[in-house]
Amino acid sequence: MKQSVTICGDNCKSFRTALSALRRIHQYVDENFSVGVVRGFEISNSAGLDTLLAGTRILTPVESKVWSPVQGGPSTAIDPEGVLRDLVDTGKYLFTEDNVVAYSEMVPDVMEG
C-alpha cells in the first residue's frame, strides 16, 4: 500500500525554484544513504505543467532496516478503523518514521510598503 500526492506548479517561477531546491535536497539525501535506498527524483509534465509526484509507503515491510518504528503505531486520526494497526499486528509490517505524513501550508509574507 502506498500513498502519493501530485503537485502542479502552473510553470510559475517560484514553483521552478522550489523544484530546484528539492533536487538539491534529494541529491544530499541520496549521497547519505546506501546505494538503492533512495529512489530517483523525477519531474514530470502534465498538460504542459511541471508536475511533482511524491509518494511513500503507508506501512513498511518488517525486513526494512532503514527507518525506526514509531511508538504507538498509526494514530486513530489516520487509522480510525484500525486497519493499519491490524496489519502491523500480523508482524509483517511496521509503522515507521517514513510512514508518518504531515500536512502544512506555506503562506508567503505580505510585504508592506
C-alpha atoms as a PDB file:
ATOM      1  CA  MET A   1       0.000   0.000   0.000  1.00  0.00           C
ATOM      2  CA  LYS A   2       1.261   3.402  -0.964  1.00  0.00           C
ATOM      3  CA  GLN A   3       0.100   6.971  -0.734  1.00  0.00           C
ATOM      4  CA  SER A   4       1.013   9.792  -3.056  1.00  0.00           C
ATOM      5  CA  VAL A   5       0.412  13.414  -3.881  1.00  0.00           C
ATOM      6  CA  THR A   6       0.765  15.220  -7.199  1.00  0.00           C
ATOM      7  CA  ILE A   7       1.605  18.920  -7.200  1.00  0.00           C
ATOM      8  CA  CYS A   8       1.328  21.086 -10.321  1.00  0.00           C
ATOM      9  CA  GLY A   9       3.016  24.467 -10.277  1.00  0.00           C
ATOM     10  CA  ASP A  10       1.443  26.195 -13.268  1.00  0.00           C
ATOM     11  CA  ASN A  11       5.018  26.789 -14.519  1.00  0.00           C
ATOM     12  CA  CYS A  12       5.478  29.774 -12.231  1.00  0.00           C
ATOM     13  CA  LYS A  13       8.954  30.945 -11.222  1.00  0.00           C
ATOM     14  CA  SER A  14       8.539  30.163  -7.501  1.00  0.00           C
ATOM     15  CA  PHE A  15       7.479  26.582  -8.282  1.00  0.00           C
ATOM     16  CA  ARG A  16      10.511  26.072 -10.548  1.00  0.00           C
ATOM     17  CA  THR A  17      12.720  27.498  -7.760  1.00  0.00           C
ATOM     18  CA  ALA A  18      11.147  25.063  -5.283  1.00  0.00           C
ATOM     19  CA  LEU A  19      11.746  22.157  -7.681  1.00  0.00           C
ATOM     20  CA  SER A  20      15.383  23.175  -7.997  1.00  0.00           C
ATOM     21  CA  ALA A  21      15.704  23.213  -4.195  1.00  0.00           C
ATOM     22  CA  LEU A  22      14.055  19.788  -3.980  1.00  0.00           C
ATOM     23  CA  ARG A  23      16.559  18.423  -6.500  1.00  0.00           C
ATOM     24  CA  ARG A  24      19.424  19.637  -4.294  1.00  0.00           C
ATOM     25  CA  ILE A  25      17.833  18.162  -1.165  1.00  0.00           C
ATOM     26  CA  HIS A  26      17.273  14.853  -2.955  1.00  0.00           C
ATOM     27  CA  GLN A  27      20.887  14.805  -4.084  1.00  0.00           C
ATOM     28  CA  TYR A  28      22.065  15.372  -0.496  1.00  0.00           C
ATOM     29  CA  VAL A  29      19.814  12.606   0.876  1.00  0.00           C
ATOM     30  CA  ASP A  30      20.831  10.222  -1.906  1.00  0.00           C
ATOM     31  CA  GLU A  31      24.521  10.801  -1.150  1.00  0.00           C
ATOM     32  CA  ASN A  32      23.991   9.954   2.525  1.00  0.00           C
ATOM     33  CA  PHE A  33      22.146   6.633   2.157  1.00  0.00           C
ATOM     34  CA  SER A  34      23.313   3.303   0.780  1.00  0.00           C
ATOM     35  CA  VAL A  35      23.029   2.776  -2.973  1.00  0.00           C
ATOM     36  CA  GLY A  36      19.495   1.816  -3.956  1.00  0.00           C
ATOM     37  CA  VAL A  37      17.784   3.052  -0.781  1.00  0.00           C
ATOM     38  CA  VAL A  38      16.687   6.400  -2.231  1.00  0.00           C
ATOM     39  CA  ARG A  39      14.652   6.369  -5.418  1.00  0.00           C
ATOM     40  CA  GLY A  40      15.317   8.733  -8.284  1.00  0.00           C
ATOM     41  CA  PHE A  41      13.955  12.260  -8.435  1.00  0.00           C
ATOM     42  CA  GLU A  42      11.740  12.957 -11.421  1.00  0.00           C
ATOM     43  CA  ILE A  43       9.768  15.957 -12.542  1.00  0.00           C
ATOM     44  CA  SER A  44       7.019  15.065 -14.943  1.00  0.00           C
ATOM     45  CA  ASN A  45       4.857  17.178 -17.173  1.00  0.00           C
ATOM     46  CA  SER A  46       1.080  17.032 -17.173  1.00  0.00           C
ATOM     47  CA  ALA A  47      -0.938  19.115 -19.630  1.00  0.00           C
ATOM     48  CA  GLY A  48       2.112  21.328 -20.159  1.00  0.00           C
ATOM     49  CA  LEU A  49       2.640  21.954 -16.437  1.00  0.00           C
ATOM     50  CA  ASP A  50       5.677  20.956 -14.388  1.00  0.00           C
ATOM     51  CA  THR A  51       4.429  18.291 -12.011  1.00  0.00           C
ATOM     52  CA  LEU A  52       5.987  16.761  -8.929  1.00  0.00           C
ATOM     53  CA  LEU A  53       4.779  13.367  -7.726  1.00  0.00           C
ATOM     54  CA  ALA A  54       5.780  12.325  -4.213  1.00  0.00           C
ATOM     55  CA  GLY A  55       4.865   9.044  -2.608  1.00  0.00           C
ATOM     56  CA  THR A  56       5.593   6.834   0.340  1.00  0.00           C
ATOM     57  CA  ARG A  57       4.517   3.503   1.702  1.00  0.00           C
ATOM     58  CA  ILE A  58       1.680   3.537   4.190  1.00  0.00           C
ATOM     59  CA  LEU A  59       3.424   0.738   6.112  1.00  0.00           C
ATOM     60  CA  THR A  60       6.990  -0.549   5.920  1.00  0.00           C
ATOM     61  CA  PRO A  61       7.829  -4.249   5.425  1.00  0.00           C
ATOM     62  CA  VAL A  62       9.392  -5.633   8.601  1.00  0.00           C
ATOM     63  CA  GLU A  63      12.540  -6.598   6.621  1.00  0.00           C
ATOM     64  CA  SER A  64      13.370  -2.929   6.044  1.00  0.00           C
ATOM     65  CA  LYS A  65      16.148  -1.691   8.294  1.00  0.00           C
ATOM     66  CA  VAL A  66      16.197   1.959   7.158  1.00  0.00           C
ATOM     67  CA  TRP A  67      13.543   3.635   9.329  1.00  0.00           C
ATOM     68  CA  SER A  68      12.868   3.460  13.070  1.00  0.00           C
ATOM     69  CA  PRO A  69       9.428   2.256  14.237  1.00  0.00           C
ATOM     70  CA  VAL A  70       7.077   4.891  15.662  1.00  0.00           C
ATOM     71  CA  GLN A  71       5.916   4.057  19.176  1.00  0.00           C
ATOM     72  CA  GLY A  72       2.169   3.598  19.381  1.00  0.00           C
ATOM     73  CA  GLY A  73       1.763   2.923  15.666  1.00  0.00           C
ATOM     74  CA  PRO A  74      -0.618   4.839  13.432  1.00  0.00           C
ATOM     75  CA  SER A  75      -2.894   7.287  15.246  1.00  0.00           C
ATOM     76  CA  THR A  76      -6.651   6.901  15.235  1.00  0.00           C
ATOM     77  CA  ALA A  77      -6.788  10.158  13.238  1.00  0.00           C
ATOM     78  CA  ILE A  78      -5.264   8.420  10.210  1.00  0.00           C
ATOM     79  CA  ASP A  79      -6.464   4.887  11.023  1.00  0.00           C
ATOM     80  CA  PRO A  80      -9.892   5.258  12.676  1.00  0.00           C
ATOM     81  CA  GLU A  81     -10.971   1.703  11.819  1.00  0.00           C
ATOM     82  CA  GLY A  82      -7.699   0.118  12.977  1.00  0.00           C
ATOM     83  CA  VAL A  83      -6.954  -1.408   9.561  1.00  0.00           C
ATOM     84  CA  LEU A  84      -3.285  -0.370   9.576  1.00  0.00           C
ATOM     85  CA  ARG A  85      -2.852  -1.401  13.211  1.00  0.00           C
ATOM     86  CA  ASP A  86      -4.253  -4.862  12.349  1.00  0.00           C
ATOM     87  CA  LEU A  87      -1.681  -5.177   9.552  1.00  0.00           C
ATOM     88  CA  VAL A  88       1.123  -4.140  11.920  1.00  0.00           C
ATOM     89  CA  ASP A  89      -0.128  -6.747  14.426  1.00  0.00           C
ATOM     90  CA  THR A  90       0.410  -9.507  11.820  1.00  0.00           C
ATOM     91  CA  GLY A  91       4.164  -8.962  12.258  1.00  0.00           C
ATOM     92  CA  LYS A  92       4.710  -8.405   8.521  1.00  0.00           C
ATOM     93  CA  TYR A  93       4.731  -4.603   8.647  1.00  0.00           C
ATOM     94  CA  LEU A  94       5.992  -1.749  10.802  1.00  0.00           C
ATOM     95  CA  PHE A  95       4.708   1.795  11.159  1.00  0.00           C
ATOM     96  CA  THR A  96       7.924   3.801  10.844  1.00  0.00           C
ATOM     97  CA  GLU A  97       9.150   7.405  10.644  1.00  0.00           C
ATOM     98  CA  ASP A  98       8.847   7.120   6.857  1.00  0.00           C
ATOM     99  CA  ASN A  99       5.127   6.364   7.135  1.00  0.00           C
ATOM    100  CA  VAL A 100       4.219   9.476   9.123  1.00  0.00           C
ATOM    101  CA  VAL A 101       2.652  12.153   6.946  1.00  0.00           C
ATOM    102  CA  ALA A 102       2.381  15.778   7.999  1.00  0.00           C
ATOM    103  CA  TYR A 103       0.467  18.377   6.041  1.00  0.00           C
ATOM    104  CA  SER A 104       1.480  22.002   6.058  1.00  0.00           C
ATOM    105  CA  GLU A 105       0.831  25.135   4.066  1.00  0.00           C
ATOM    106  CA  MET A 106       3.326  27.754   3.029  1.00  0.00           C
ATOM    107  CA  VAL A 107       1.864  31.229   3.290  1.00  0.00           C
ATOM    108  CA  PRO A 108       4.024  33.950   1.747  1.00  0.00           C
ATOM    109  CA  ASP A 109       4.747  37.050   3.809  1.00  0.00           C
ATOM    110  CA  VAL A 110       2.949  40.126   2.619  1.00  0.00           C
ATOM    111  CA  MET A 111       5.408  42.956   2.122  1.00  0.00           C
ATOM    112  CA  GLU A 112       4.272  46.300   3.452  1.00  0.00           C
ATOM    113  CA  GLY A 113       5.077  49.445   1.661  1.00  0.00           C
END
